[in-house]
Amino acid sequence: GRAVECALELLPQDFDGTVVVTSGDVPLLDVATIQSMVEAHNAG
């Protein structure tokens, strides 16, 4: 939680989009999976 909080501090204050959180030790996570997550998240 603190790691993400530190990252958010670097986003522009007016950023009002979506934040995806992944890990540097999960190397096989692919573009299609994240895209489908974001699309389902925004659509719902």
Full PDB file with SEQRES, HELIX, SHEET, SSBOND, CRYST1, ORIGX, SCALE, CONECT and MASTER records, all heavy atoms in Angstrom:
SEQRES   1 A   44  GLY ARG ALA VAL GLU CYS ALA LEU GLU LEU LEU PRO GLN          
SEQRES   2 A   44  ASP PHE ASP GLY THR VAL VAL VAL THR SER GLY ASP VAL          
SEQRES   3 A   44  PRO LEU LEU ASP VAL ALA THR ILE GLN SER MET VAL GLU          
SEQRES   4 A   44  ALA HIS ASN ALA GLY                                          
HELIX    1 AA1 ARG A    2  LEU A    8  1                                   7    
HELIX    2 AA2 VAL A   31  ALA A   43  1                                  13    
CRYST1    1.000    1.000    1.000  90.00  90.00  90.00 P 1           1          
ORIGX1      1.000000  0.000000  0.000000        0.00000                         
ORIGX2      0.000000  1.000000  0.000000        0.00000                         
ORIGX3      0.000000  0.000000  1.000000        0.00000                         
SCALE1      1.000000  0.000000  0.000000        0.00000                         
SCALE2      0.000000  1.000000  0.000000        0.00000                         
SCALE3      0.000000  0.000000  1.000000        0.00000                         
ATOM      1  N   GLY A   1       0.819  -1.211   0.000  1.00  0.00           N  
ATOM      2  CA  GLY A   1       0.000   0.000   0.000  1.00  0.00           C  
ATOM      3  C   GLY A   1       0.845   1.249   0.000  1.00  0.00           C  
ATOM      4  O   GLY A   1       0.574   2.209  -0.731  1.00  0.00           O  
ATOM      5  N   ARG A   2       1.914   1.236   0.798  1.00  0.00           N  
ATOM      6  CA  ARG A   2       2.801   2.396   0.838  1.00  0.00           C  
ATOM      7  C   ARG A   2       3.545   2.555  -0.484  1.00  0.00           C  
ATOM      8  O   ARG A   2       3.758   3.680  -0.945  1.00  0.00           O  
ATOM      9  CB  ARG A   2       3.799   2.246   1.989  1.00  0.00           C  
ATOM     10  CG  ARG A   2       4.765   3.429   2.113  1.00  0.00           C  
ATOM     11  CD  ARG A   2       4.023   4.756   2.229  1.00  0.00           C  
ATOM     12  NE  ARG A   2       4.958   5.878   2.295  1.00  0.00           N  
ATOM     13  CZ  ARG A   2       4.600   7.145   2.149  1.00  0.00           C  
ATOM     14  NH1 ARG A   2       3.323   7.466   1.913  1.00  0.00           N  
ATOM     15  NH2 ARG A   2       5.495   8.108   2.247  1.00  0.00           N  
ATOM     16  N   ALA A   3       3.931   1.445  -1.099  1.00  0.00           N  
ATOM     17  CA  ALA A   3       4.611   1.528  -2.390  1.00  0.00           C  
ATOM     18  C   ALA A   3       3.740   2.222  -3.431  1.00  0.00           C  
ATOM     19  O   ALA A   3       4.201   3.107  -4.168  1.00  0.00           O  
ATOM     20  CB  ALA A   3       4.987   0.127  -2.869  1.00  0.00           C  
ATOM     21  N   VAL A   4       2.466   1.841  -3.479  1.00  0.00           N  
ATOM     22  CA  VAL A   4       1.547   2.480  -4.433  1.00  0.00           C  
ATOM     23  C   VAL A   4       1.339   3.934  -4.065  1.00  0.00           C  
ATOM     24  O   VAL A   4       1.258   4.809  -4.941  1.00  0.00           O  
ATOM     25  CB  VAL A   4       0.218   1.707  -4.484  1.00  0.00           C  
ATOM     26  CG1 VAL A   4      -0.799   2.445  -5.348  1.00  0.00           C  
ATOM     27  CG2 VAL A   4       0.446   0.300  -5.022  1.00  0.00           C  
ATOM     28  N   GLU A   5       1.265   4.224  -2.790  1.00  0.00           N  
ATOM     29  CA  GLU A   5       1.087   5.613  -2.340  1.00  0.00           C  
ATOM     30  C   GLU A   5       2.256   6.480  -2.803  1.00  0.00           C  
ATOM     31  O   GLU A   5       2.059   7.619  -3.248  1.00  0.00           O  
ATOM     32  CB  GLU A   5       0.976   5.630  -0.816  1.00  0.00           C  
ATOM     33  CG  GLU A   5       0.379   6.901  -0.244  1.00  0.00           C  
ATOM     34  CD  GLU A   5       0.063   6.747   1.227  1.00  0.00           C  
ATOM     35  OE1 GLU A   5       0.743   5.964   1.928  1.00  0.00           O  
ATOM     36  OE2 GLU A   5      -0.875   7.422   1.696  1.00  0.00           O  
ATOM     37  N   CYS A   6       3.483   5.953  -2.713  1.00  0.00           N  
ATOM     38  CA  CYS A   6       4.657   6.693  -3.189  1.00  0.00           C  
ATOM     39  C   CYS A   6       4.585   6.930  -4.694  1.00  0.00           C  
ATOM     40  O   CYS A   6       4.998   7.989  -5.196  1.00  0.00           O  
ATOM     41  CB  CYS A   6       5.928   5.932  -2.835  1.00  0.00           C  
ATOM     42  SG  CYS A   6       6.278   5.837  -1.063  1.00  0.00           S  
ATOM     43  N   ALA A   7       4.063   5.949  -5.429  1.00  0.00           N  
ATOM     44  CA  ALA A   7       3.934   6.098  -6.879  1.00  0.00           C  
ATOM     45  C   ALA A   7       2.907   7.171  -7.232  1.00  0.00           C  
ATOM     46  O   ALA A   7       3.119   7.982  -8.142  1.00  0.00           O  
ATOM     47  CB  ALA A   7       3.537   4.769  -7.507  1.00  0.00           C  
ATOM     48  N   LEU A   8       1.794   7.188  -6.510  1.00  0.00           N  
ATOM     49  CA  LEU A   8       0.745   8.162  -6.809  1.00  0.00           C  
ATOM     50  C   LEU A   8       1.216   9.589  -6.611  1.00  0.00           C  
ATOM     51  O   LEU A   8       0.710  10.516  -7.263  1.00  0.00           O  
ATOM     52  CB  LEU A   8      -0.482   7.892  -5.931  1.00  0.00           C  
ATOM     53  CG  LEU A   8      -1.221   6.572  -6.167  1.00  0.00           C  
ATOM     54  CD1 LEU A   8      -2.478   6.510  -5.312  1.00  0.00           C  
ATOM     55  CD2 LEU A   8      -1.565   6.382  -7.629  1.00  0.00           C  
ATOM     56  N   GLU A   9       2.183   9.772  -5.731  1.00  0.00           N  
ATOM     57  CA  GLU A   9       2.699  11.118  -5.500  1.00  0.00           C  
ATOM     58  C   GLU A   9       3.369  11.700  -6.734  1.00  0.00           C  
ATOM     59  O   GLU A   9       3.521  12.923  -6.851  1.00  0.00           O  
ATOM     60  CB  GLU A   9       3.683  11.094  -4.328  1.00  0.00           C  
ATOM     61  CG  GLU A   9       3.030  10.806  -2.980  1.00  0.00           C  
ATOM     62  CD  GLU A   9       4.051  10.610  -1.867  1.00  0.00           C  
ATOM     63  OE1 GLU A   9       5.275  10.721  -2.162  1.00  0.00           O  
ATOM     64  OE2 GLU A   9       3.644  10.362  -0.724  1.00  0.00           O  
ATOM     65  N   LEU A  10       3.775  10.850  -7.665  1.00  0.00           N  
ATOM     66  CA  LEU A  10       4.435  11.319  -8.889  1.00  0.00           C  
ATOM     67  C   LEU A  10       3.460  11.551 -10.039  1.00  0.00           C  
ATOM     68  O   LEU A  10       3.866  12.056 -11.088  1.00  0.00           O  
ATOM     69  CB  LEU A  10       5.505  10.307  -9.318  1.00  0.00           C  
ATOM     70  CG  LEU A  10       6.638  10.071  -8.314  1.00  0.00           C  
ATOM     71  CD1 LEU A  10       7.670   9.106  -8.890  1.00  0.00           C  
ATOM     72  CD2 LEU A  10       7.306  11.376  -7.919  1.00  0.00           C  
ATOM     73  N   LEU A  11       2.213  11.176  -9.854  1.00  0.00           N  
ATOM     74  CA  LEU A  11       1.205  11.451 -10.886  1.00  0.00           C  
ATOM     75  C   LEU A  11       0.790  12.916 -10.828  1.00  0.00           C  
ATOM     76  O   LEU A  11       0.765  13.516  -9.747  1.00  0.00           O  
ATOM     77  CB  LEU A  11      -0.024  10.569 -10.688  1.00  0.00           C  
ATOM     78  CG  LEU A  11       0.113   9.095 -11.064  1.00  0.00           C  
ATOM     79  CD1 LEU A  11      -1.158   8.343 -10.682  1.00  0.00           C  
ATOM     80  CD2 LEU A  11       0.393   8.939 -12.552  1.00  0.00           C  
ATOM     81  N   PRO A  12       0.449  13.505 -11.959  1.00  0.00           N  
ATOM     82  CA  PRO A  12      -0.075  14.871 -11.923  1.00  0.00           C  
ATOM     83  C   PRO A  12      -1.316  14.962 -11.023  1.00  0.00           C  
ATOM     84  O   PRO A  12      -2.119  14.023 -10.972  1.00  0.00           O  
ATOM     85  CB  PRO A  12      -0.432  15.147 -13.386  1.00  0.00           C  
ATOM     86  CG  PRO A  12       0.396  14.189 -14.179  1.00  0.00           C  
ATOM     87  CD  PRO A  12       0.536  12.962 -13.327  1.00  0.00           C  
ATOM     88  N   GLN A  13      -1.454  16.055 -10.320  1.00  0.00           N  
ATOM     89  CA  GLN A  13      -2.581  16.204  -9.398  1.00  0.00           C  
ATOM     90  C   GLN A  13      -3.921  16.137 -10.108  1.00  0.00           C  
ATOM     91  O   GLN A  13      -4.929  15.740  -9.515  1.00  0.00           O  
ATOM     92  CB  GLN A  13      -2.459  17.527  -8.634  1.00  0.00           C  
ATOM     93  CG  GLN A  13      -1.351  17.522  -7.582  1.00  0.00           C  
ATOM     94  CD  GLN A  13      -1.574  16.464  -6.511  1.00  0.00           C  
ATOM     95  OE1 GLN A  13      -2.677  16.339  -5.975  1.00  0.00           O  
ATOM     96  NE2 GLN A  13      -0.526  15.696  -6.218  1.00  0.00           N  
ATOM     97  N   ASP A  14      -3.938  16.519 -11.389  1.00  0.00           N  
ATOM     98  CA  ASP A  14      -5.207  16.503 -12.115  1.00  0.00           C  
ATOM     99  C   ASP A  14      -5.450  15.173 -12.837  1.00  0.00           C  
ATOM    100  O   ASP A  14      -6.416  15.051 -13.598  1.00  0.00           O  
ATOM    101  CB  ASP A  14      -5.269  17.661 -13.117  1.00  0.00           C  
ATOM    102  CG  ASP A  14      -4.143  17.595 -14.153  1.00  0.00           C  
ATOM    103  OD1 ASP A  14      -3.227  16.747 -14.006  1.00  0.00           O  
ATOM    104  OD2 ASP A  14      -4.167  18.400 -15.108  1.00  0.00           O  
ATOM    105  N   PHE A  15      -4.592  14.178 -12.620  1.00  0.00           N  
ATOM    106  CA  PHE A  15      -4.793  12.874 -13.250  1.00  0.00           C  
ATOM    107  C   PHE A  15      -6.040  12.231 -12.645  1.00  0.00           C  
ATOM    108  O   PHE A  15      -6.140  12.057 -11.427  1.00  0.00           O  
ATOM    109  CB  PHE A  15      -3.574  11.979 -13.021  1.00  0.00           C  
ATOM    110  CG  PHE A  15      -3.727  10.596 -13.612  1.00  0.00           C  
ATOM    111  CD1 PHE A  15      -3.509  10.368 -14.957  1.00  0.00           C  
ATOM    112  CD2 PHE A  15      -4.115   9.527 -12.811  1.00  0.00           C  
ATOM    113  CE1 PHE A  15      -3.641   9.098 -15.500  1.00  0.00           C  
ATOM    114  CE2 PHE A  15      -4.249   8.251 -13.343  1.00  0.00           C  
ATOM    115  CZ  PHE A  15      -4.016   8.047 -14.691  1.00  0.00           C  
ATOM    116  N   ASP A  16      -6.983  11.879 -13.488  1.00  0.00           N  
ATOM    117  CA  ASP A  16      -8.237  11.307 -12.986  1.00  0.00           C  
ATOM    118  C   ASP A  16      -8.586  10.003 -13.708  1.00  0.00           C  
ATOM    119  O   ASP A  16      -9.758   9.626 -13.811  1.00  0.00           O  
ATOM    120  CB  ASP A  16      -9.387  12.304 -13.133  1.00  0.00           C  
ATOM    121  CG  ASP A  16      -9.626  12.713 -14.588  1.00  0.00           C  
ATOM    122  OD1 ASP A  16      -8.825  12.290 -15.472  1.00  0.00           O  
ATOM    123  OD2 ASP A  16     -10.590  13.437 -14.862  1.00  0.00           O  
ATOM    124  N   GLY A  17      -7.562   9.304 -14.175  1.00  0.00           N  
ATOM    125  CA  GLY A  17      -7.791   8.076 -14.930  1.00  0.00           C  
ATOM    126  C   GLY A  17      -7.753   6.837 -14.062  1.00  0.00           C  
ATOM    127  O   GLY A  17      -8.126   6.842 -12.885  1.00  0.00           O  
ATOM    128  N   THR A  18      -7.282   5.766 -14.645  1.00  0.00           N  
ATOM    129  CA  THR A  18      -7.255   4.453 -14.016  1.00  0.00           C  
ATOM    130  C   THR A  18      -5.811   4.094 -13.658  1.00  0.00           C  
ATOM    131  O   THR A  18      -4.884   4.438 -14.393  1.00  0.00           O  
ATOM    132  CB  THR A  18      -7.829   3.408 -14.992  1.00  0.00           C  
ATOM    133  OG1 THR A  18      -9.168   3.769 -15.309  1.00  0.00           O  
ATOM    134  CG2 THR A  18      -7.815   2.023 -14.382  1.00  0.00           C  
ATOM    135  N   VAL A  19      -5.631   3.414 -12.539  1.00  0.00           N  
ATOM    136  CA  VAL A  19      -4.304   2.979 -12.104  1.00  0.00           C  
ATOM    137  C   VAL A  19      -4.256   1.446 -12.097  1.00  0.00           C  
ATOM    138  O   VAL A  19      -5.069   0.795 -11.434  1.00  0.00           O  
ATOM    139  CB  VAL A  19      -3.962   3.515 -10.711  1.00  0.00           C  
ATOM    140  CG1 VAL A  19      -2.612   2.959 -10.249  1.00  0.00           C  
ATOM    141  CG2 VAL A  19      -3.926   5.038 -10.714  1.00  0.00           C  
ATOM    142  N   VAL A  20      -3.305   0.890 -12.852  1.00  0.00           N  
ATOM    143  CA  VAL A  20      -3.056  -0.546 -12.859  1.00  0.00           C  
ATOM    144  C   VAL A  20      -1.862  -0.806 -11.956  1.00  0.00           C  
ATOM    145  O   VAL A  20      -0.844  -0.106 -12.038  1.00  0.00           O  
ATOM    146  CB  VAL A  20      -2.758  -1.055 -14.285  1.00  0.00           C  
ATOM    147  CG1 VAL A  20      -2.418  -2.535 -14.273  1.00  0.00           C  
ATOM    148  CG2 VAL A  20      -3.931  -0.777 -15.215  1.00  0.00           C  
ATOM    149  N   VAL A  21      -1.950  -1.814 -11.100  1.00  0.00           N  
ATOM    150  CA  VAL A  21      -0.842  -2.176 -10.216  1.00  0.00           C  
ATOM    151  C   VAL A  21      -0.400  -3.597 -10.556  1.00  0.00           C  
ATOM    152  O   VAL A  21      -1.205  -4.542 -10.493  1.00  0.00           O  
ATOM    153  CB  VAL A  21      -1.238  -2.095  -8.731  1.00  0.00           C  
ATOM    154  CG1 VAL A  21      -0.058  -2.499  -7.845  1.00  0.00           C  
ATOM    155  CG2 VAL A  21      -1.710  -0.687  -8.379  1.00  0.00           C  
ATOM    156  N   THR A  22       0.866  -3.742 -10.950  1.00  0.00           N  
ATOM    157  CA  THR A  22       1.449  -5.054 -11.234  1.00  0.00           C  
ATOM    158  C   THR A  22       2.716  -5.210 -10.399  1.00  0.00           C  
ATOM    159  O   THR A  22       3.118  -4.302  -9.679  1.00  0.00           O  
ATOM    160  CB  THR A  22       1.781  -5.220 -12.727  1.00  0.00           C  
ATOM    161  OG1 THR A  22       2.872  -4.332 -13.065  1.00  0.00           O  
ATOM    162  CG2 THR A  22       0.582  -4.882 -13.597  1.00  0.00           C  
ATOM    163  N   SER A  23       3.386  -6.349 -10.536  1.00  0.00           N  
ATOM    164  CA  SER A  23       4.600  -6.619  -9.768  1.00  0.00           C  
ATOM    165  C   SER A  23       5.763  -6.940 -10.696  1.00  0.00           C  
ATOM    166  O   SER A  23       5.588  -7.601 -11.723  1.00  0.00           O  
ATOM    167  CB  SER A  23       4.375  -7.792  -8.812  1.00  0.00           C  
ATOM    168  OG  SER A  23       3.412  -7.470  -7.836  1.00  0.00           O  
ATOM    169  N   GLY A  24       6.953  -6.504 -10.282  1.00  0.00           N  
ATOM    170  CA  GLY A  24       8.149  -6.769 -11.074  1.00  0.00           C  
ATOM    171  C   GLY A  24       8.592  -8.201 -11.050  1.00  0.00           C  
ATOM    172  O   GLY A  24       9.481  -8.589 -11.815  1.00  0.00           O  
ATOM    173  N   ASP A  25       7.984  -9.024 -10.171  1.00  0.00           N  
ATOM    174  CA  ASP A  25       8.349 -10.437 -10.113  1.00  0.00           C  
ATOM    175  C   ASP A  25       7.274 -11.345 -10.696  1.00  0.00           C  
ATOM    176  O   ASP A  25       7.238 -12.537 -10.425  1.00  0.00           O  
ATOM    177  CB  ASP A  25       8.672 -10.854  -8.677  1.00  0.00           C  
ATOM    178  CG  ASP A  25       7.498 -10.676  -7.727  1.00  0.00           C  
ATOM    179  OD1 ASP A  25       6.424 -10.222  -8.168  1.00  0.00           O  
ATOM    180  OD2 ASP A  25       7.659 -10.995  -6.518  1.00  0.00           O  
ATOM    181  N   VAL A  26       6.375 -10.758 -11.506  1.00  0.00           N  
ATOM    182  CA  VAL A  26       5.344 -11.539 -12.212  1.00  0.00           C  
ATOM    183  C   VAL A  26       5.557 -11.295 -13.708  1.00  0.00           C  
ATOM    184  O   VAL A  26       4.874 -10.485 -14.333  1.00  0.00           O  
ATOM    185  CB  VAL A  26       3.926 -11.128 -11.773  1.00  0.00           C  
ATOM    186  CG1 VAL A  26       2.873 -11.975 -12.475  1.00  0.00           C  
ATOM    187  CG2 VAL A  26       3.782 -11.274 -10.261  1.00  0.00           C  
ATOM    188  N   PRO A  27       6.537 -11.979 -14.314  1.00  0.00           N  
ATOM    189  CA  PRO A  27       7.009 -11.590 -15.643  1.00  0.00           C  
ATOM    190  C   PRO A  27       6.137 -12.006 -16.812  1.00  0.00           C  
ATOM    191  O   PRO A  27       6.249 -11.436 -17.896  1.00  0.00           O  
ATOM    192  CB  PRO A  27       8.374 -12.281 -15.737  1.00  0.00           C  
ATOM    193  CG  PRO A  27       8.231 -13.478 -14.857  1.00  0.00           C  
ATOM    194  CD  PRO A  27       7.363 -13.054 -13.721  1.00  0.00           C  
ATOM    195  N   LEU A  28       5.266 -13.006 -16.652  1.00  0.00           N  
ATOM    196  CA  LEU A  28       4.508 -13.501 -17.803  1.00  0.00           C  
ATOM    197  C   LEU A  28       3.168 -12.807 -18.010  1.00  0.00           C  
ATOM    198  O   LEU A  28       2.469 -13.094 -18.986  1.00  0.00           O  
ATOM    199  CB  LEU A  28       4.284 -15.014 -17.673  1.00  0.00           C  
ATOM    200  CG  LEU A  28       5.526 -15.894 -17.566  1.00  0.00           C  
ATOM    201  CD1 LEU A  28       5.159 -17.361 -17.727  1.00  0.00           C  
ATOM    202  CD2 LEU A  28       6.588 -15.497 -18.572  1.00  0.00           C  
ATOM    203  N   LEU A  29       2.801 -11.911 -17.109  1.00  0.00           N  
ATOM    204  CA  LEU A  29       1.550 -11.177 -17.275  1.00  0.00           C  
ATOM    205  C   LEU A  29       1.581 -10.416 -18.596  1.00  0.00           C  
ATOM    206  O   LEU A  29       2.509  -9.657 -18.871  1.00  0.00           O  
ATOM    207  CB  LEU A  29       1.360 -10.208 -16.112  1.00  0.00           C  
ATOM    208  CG  LEU A  29       0.043  -9.435 -16.081  1.00  0.00           C  
ATOM    209  CD1 LEU A  29      -1.141 -10.378 -15.903  1.00  0.00           C  
ATOM    210  CD2 LEU A  29       0.078  -8.389 -14.974  1.00  0.00           C  
ATOM    211  N   ASP A  30       0.563 -10.629 -19.430  1.00  0.00           N  
ATOM    212  CA  ASP A  30       0.619 -10.101 -20.791  1.00  0.00           C  
ATOM    213  C   ASP A  30      -0.302  -8.912 -21.002  1.00  0.00           C  
ATOM    214  O   ASP A  30      -1.139  -8.575 -20.169  1.00  0.00           O  
ATOM    215  CB  ASP A  30       0.321 -11.202 -21.806  1.00  0.00           C  
ATOM    216  CG  ASP A  30      -1.074 -11.792 -21.644  1.00  0.00           C  
ATOM    217  OD1 ASP A  30      -1.766 -11.459 -20.660  1.00  0.00           O  
ATOM    218  OD2 ASP A  30      -1.473 -12.596 -22.507  1.00  0.00           O  
ATOM    219  N   VAL A  31      -0.115  -8.283 -22.150  1.00  0.00           N  
ATOM    220  CA  VAL A  31      -0.883  -7.086 -22.505  1.00  0.00           C  
ATOM    221  C   VAL A  31      -2.376  -7.392 -22.583  1.00  0.00           C  
ATOM    222  O   VAL A  31      -3.213  -6.632 -22.083  1.00  0.00           O  
ATOM    223  CB  VAL A  31      -0.377  -6.522 -23.848  1.00  0.00           C  
ATOM    224  CG1 VAL A  31      -1.313  -5.433 -24.374  1.00  0.00           C  
ATOM    225  CG2 VAL A  31       1.033  -5.972 -23.687  1.00  0.00           C  
ATOM    226  N   ALA A  32      -2.733  -8.514 -23.207  1.00  0.00           N  
ATOM    227  CA  ALA A  32      -4.152  -8.836 -23.411  1.00  0.00           C  
ATOM    228  C   ALA A  32      -4.889  -8.964 -22.083  1.00  0.00           C  
ATOM    229  O   ALA A  32      -6.035  -8.510 -21.947  1.00  0.00           O  
ATOM    230  CB  ALA A  32      -4.283 -10.121 -24.219  1.00  0.00           C  
ATOM    231  N   THR A  33      -4.254  -9.573 -21.090  1.00  0.00           N  
ATOM    232  CA  THR A  33      -4.899  -9.753 -19.786  1.00  0.00           C  
ATOM    233  C   THR A  33      -5.150  -8.414 -19.121  1.00  0.00           C  
ATOM    234  O   THR A  33      -6.247  -8.157 -18.598  1.00  0.00           O  
ATOM    235  CB  THR A  33      -4.031 -10.651 -18.887  1.00  0.00           C  
ATOM    236  OG1 THR A  33      -3.907 -11.936 -19.502  1.00  0.00           O  
ATOM    237  CG2 THR A  33      -4.655 -10.803 -17.510  1.00  0.00           C  
ATOM    238  N   ILE A  34      -4.167  -7.539 -19.131  1.00  0.00           N  
ATOM    239  CA  ILE A  34      -4.334  -6.233 -18.497  1.00  0.00           C  
ATOM    240  C   ILE A  34      -5.358  -5.399 -19.255  1.00  0.00           C  
ATOM    241  O   ILE A  34      -6.206  -4.720 -18.652  1.00  0.00           O  
ATOM    242  CB  ILE A  34      -2.991  -5.495 -18.408  1.00  0.00           C  
ATOM    243  CG1 ILE A  34      -2.008  -6.311 -17.566  1.00  0.00           C  
ATOM    244  CG2 ILE A  34      -3.177  -4.109 -17.807  1.00  0.00           C  
ATOM    245  CD1 ILE A  34      -0.617  -5.720 -17.505  1.00  0.00           C  
ATOM    246  N   GLN A  35      -5.308  -5.453 -20.572  1.00  0.00           N  
ATOM    247  CA  GLN A  35      -6.296  -4.704 -21.366  1.00  0.00           C  
ATOM    248  C   GLN A  35      -7.716  -5.144 -21.025  1.00  0.00           C  
ATOM    249  O   GLN A  35      -8.609  -4.307 -20.849  1.00  0.00           O  
ATOM    250  CB  GLN A  35      -6.028  -4.902 -22.857  1.00  0.00           C  
ATOM    251  CG  GLN A  35      -4.884  -4.091 -23.397  1.00  0.00           C  
ATOM    252  CD  GLN A  35      -4.656  -4.323 -24.870  1.00  0.00           C  
ATOM    253  OE1 GLN A  35      -4.972  -5.396 -25.398  1.00  0.00           O  
ATOM    254  NE2 GLN A  35      -4.091  -3.343 -25.556  1.00  0.00           N  
ATOM    255  N   SER A  36      -7.925  -6.459 -20.930  1.00  0.00           N  
ATOM    256  CA  SER A  36      -9.278  -6.942 -20.630  1.00  0.00           C  
ATOM    257  C   SER A  36      -9.714  -6.523 -19.236  1.00  0.00           C  
ATOM    258  O   SER A  36     -10.890  -6.212 -19.006  1.00  0.00           O  
ATOM    259  CB  SER A  36      -9.337  -8.471 -20.770  1.00  0.00           C  
ATOM    260  OG  SER A  36      -8.496  -9.098 -19.820  1.00  0.00           O  
ATOM    261  N   MET A  37      -8.782  -6.484 -18.286  1.00  0.00           N  
ATOM    262  CA  MET A  37      -9.107  -6.009 -16.940  1.00  0.00           C  
ATOM    263  C   MET A  37      -9.543  -4.550 -16.951  1.00  0.00           C  
ATOM    264  O   MET A  37     -10.559  -4.178 -16.353  1.00  0.00           O  
ATOM    265  CB  MET A  37      -7.895  -6.153 -16.017  1.00  0.00           C  
ATOM    266  CG  MET A  37      -7.610  -7.536 -15.488  1.00  0.00           C  
ATOM    267  SD  MET A  37      -6.240  -7.493 -14.302  1.00  0.00           S  
ATOM    268  CE  MET A  37      -7.025  -6.661 -12.907  1.00  0.00           C  
ATOM    269  N   VAL A  38      -8.746  -3.719 -17.636  1.00  0.00           N  
ATOM    270  CA  VAL A  38      -9.046  -2.280 -17.678  1.00  0.00           C  
ATOM    271  C   VAL A  38     -10.373  -2.031 -18.381  1.00  0.00           C  
ATOM    272  O   VAL A  38     -11.193  -1.212 -17.927  1.00  0.00           O  
ATOM    273  CB  VAL A  38      -7.903  -1.512 -18.363  1.00  0.00           C  
ATOM    274  CG1 VAL A  38      -8.281  -0.051 -18.557  1.00  0.00           C  
ATOM    275  CG2 VAL A  38      -6.621  -1.618 -17.542  1.00  0.00           C  
ATOM    276  N   GLU A  39     -10.614  -2.731 -19.473  1.00  0.00           N  
ATOM    277  CA  GLU A  39     -11.859  -2.543 -20.217  1.00  0.00           C  
ATOM    278  C   GLU A  39     -13.068  -2.953 -19.377  1.00  0.00           C  
ATOM    279  O   GLU A  39     -14.091  -2.249 -19.341  1.00  0.00           O  
ATOM    280  CB  GLU A  39     -11.808  -3.328 -21.527  1.00  0.00           C  
ATOM    281  CG  GLU A  39     -10.822  -2.727 -22.535  1.00  0.00           C  
ATOM    282  CD  GLU A  39     -10.530  -3.649 -23.702  1.00  0.00           C  
ATOM    283  OE1 GLU A  39     -11.081  -4.783 -23.720  1.00  0.00           O  
ATOM    284  OE2 GLU A  39      -9.751  -3.262 -24.593  1.00  0.00           O  
ATOM    285  N   ALA A  40     -12.956  -4.112 -18.694  1.00  0.00           N  
ATOM    286  CA  ALA A  40     -14.067  -4.548 -17.842  1.00  0.00           C  
ATOM    287  C   ALA A  40     -14.260  -3.607 -16.659  1.00  0.00           C  
ATOM    288  O   ALA A  40     -15.392  -3.334 -16.236  1.00  0.00           O  
ATOM    289  CB  ALA A  40     -13.798  -5.976 -17.343  1.00  0.00           C  
ATOM    290  N   HIS A  41     -13.171  -3.102 -16.131  1.00  0.00           N  
ATOM    291  CA  HIS A  41     -13.220  -2.162 -15.006  1.00  0.00           C  
ATOM    292  C   HIS A  41     -13.944  -0.875 -15.411  1.00  0.00           C  
ATOM    293  O   HIS A  41     -14.863  -0.416 -14.721  1.00  0.00           O  
ATOM    294  CB  HIS A  41     -11.793  -1.855 -14.554  1.00  0.00           C  
ATOM    295  CG  HIS A  41     -11.691  -0.837 -13.469  1.00  0.00           C  
ATOM    296  ND1 HIS A  41     -11.763  -1.163 -12.139  1.00  0.00           N  
ATOM    297  CD2 HIS A  41     -11.531   0.521 -13.520  1.00  0.00           C  
ATOM    298  CE1 HIS A  41     -11.644  -0.066 -11.411  1.00  0.00           C  
ATOM    299  NE2 HIS A  41     -11.496   0.971 -12.234  1.00  0.00           N  
ATOM    300  N   ASN A  42     -13.539  -0.315 -16.530  1.00  0.00           N  
ATOM    301  CA  ASN A  42     -14.142   0.945 -16.975  1.00  0.00           C  
ATOM    302  C   ASN A  42     -15.582   0.759 -17.430  1.00  0.00           C  
ATOM    303  O   ASN A  42     -16.452   1.594 -17.141  1.00  0.00           O  
ATOM    304  CB  ASN A  42     -13.306   1.547 -18.110  1.00  0.00           C  
ATOM    305  CG  ASN A  42     -11.947   2.029 -17.635  1.00  0.00           C  
ATOM    306  OD1 ASN A  42     -11.756   2.327 -16.452  1.00  0.00           O  
ATOM    307  ND2 ASN A  42     -10.984   2.106 -18.548  1.00  0.00           N  
ATOM    308  N   ALA A  43     -15.846  -0.341 -18.135  1.00  0.00           N  
ATOM    309  CA  ALA A  43     -17.204  -0.574 -18.633  1.00  0.00           C  
ATOM    310  C   ALA A  43     -18.201  -0.745 -17.494  1.00  0.00           C  
ATOM    311  O   ALA A  43     -19.363  -0.316 -17.598  1.00  0.00           O  
ATOM    312  CB  ALA A  43     -17.215  -1.814 -19.526  1.00  0.00           C  
ATOM    313  N   GLY A  44     -17.761  -1.347 -16.386  1.00  0.00           N  
ATOM    314  CA  GLY A  44     -18.670  -1.577 -15.265  1.00  0.00           C  
ATOM    315  C   GLY A  44     -18.678  -0.477 -14.239  1.00  0.00           C  
ATOM    316  O   GLY A  44     -19.426  -0.556 -13.247  1.00  0.00           O  
TER     317      GLY A  44                                                      
MASTER        0    0    0    2    0    0    0    6  316    1    0    4          
END                                                                             
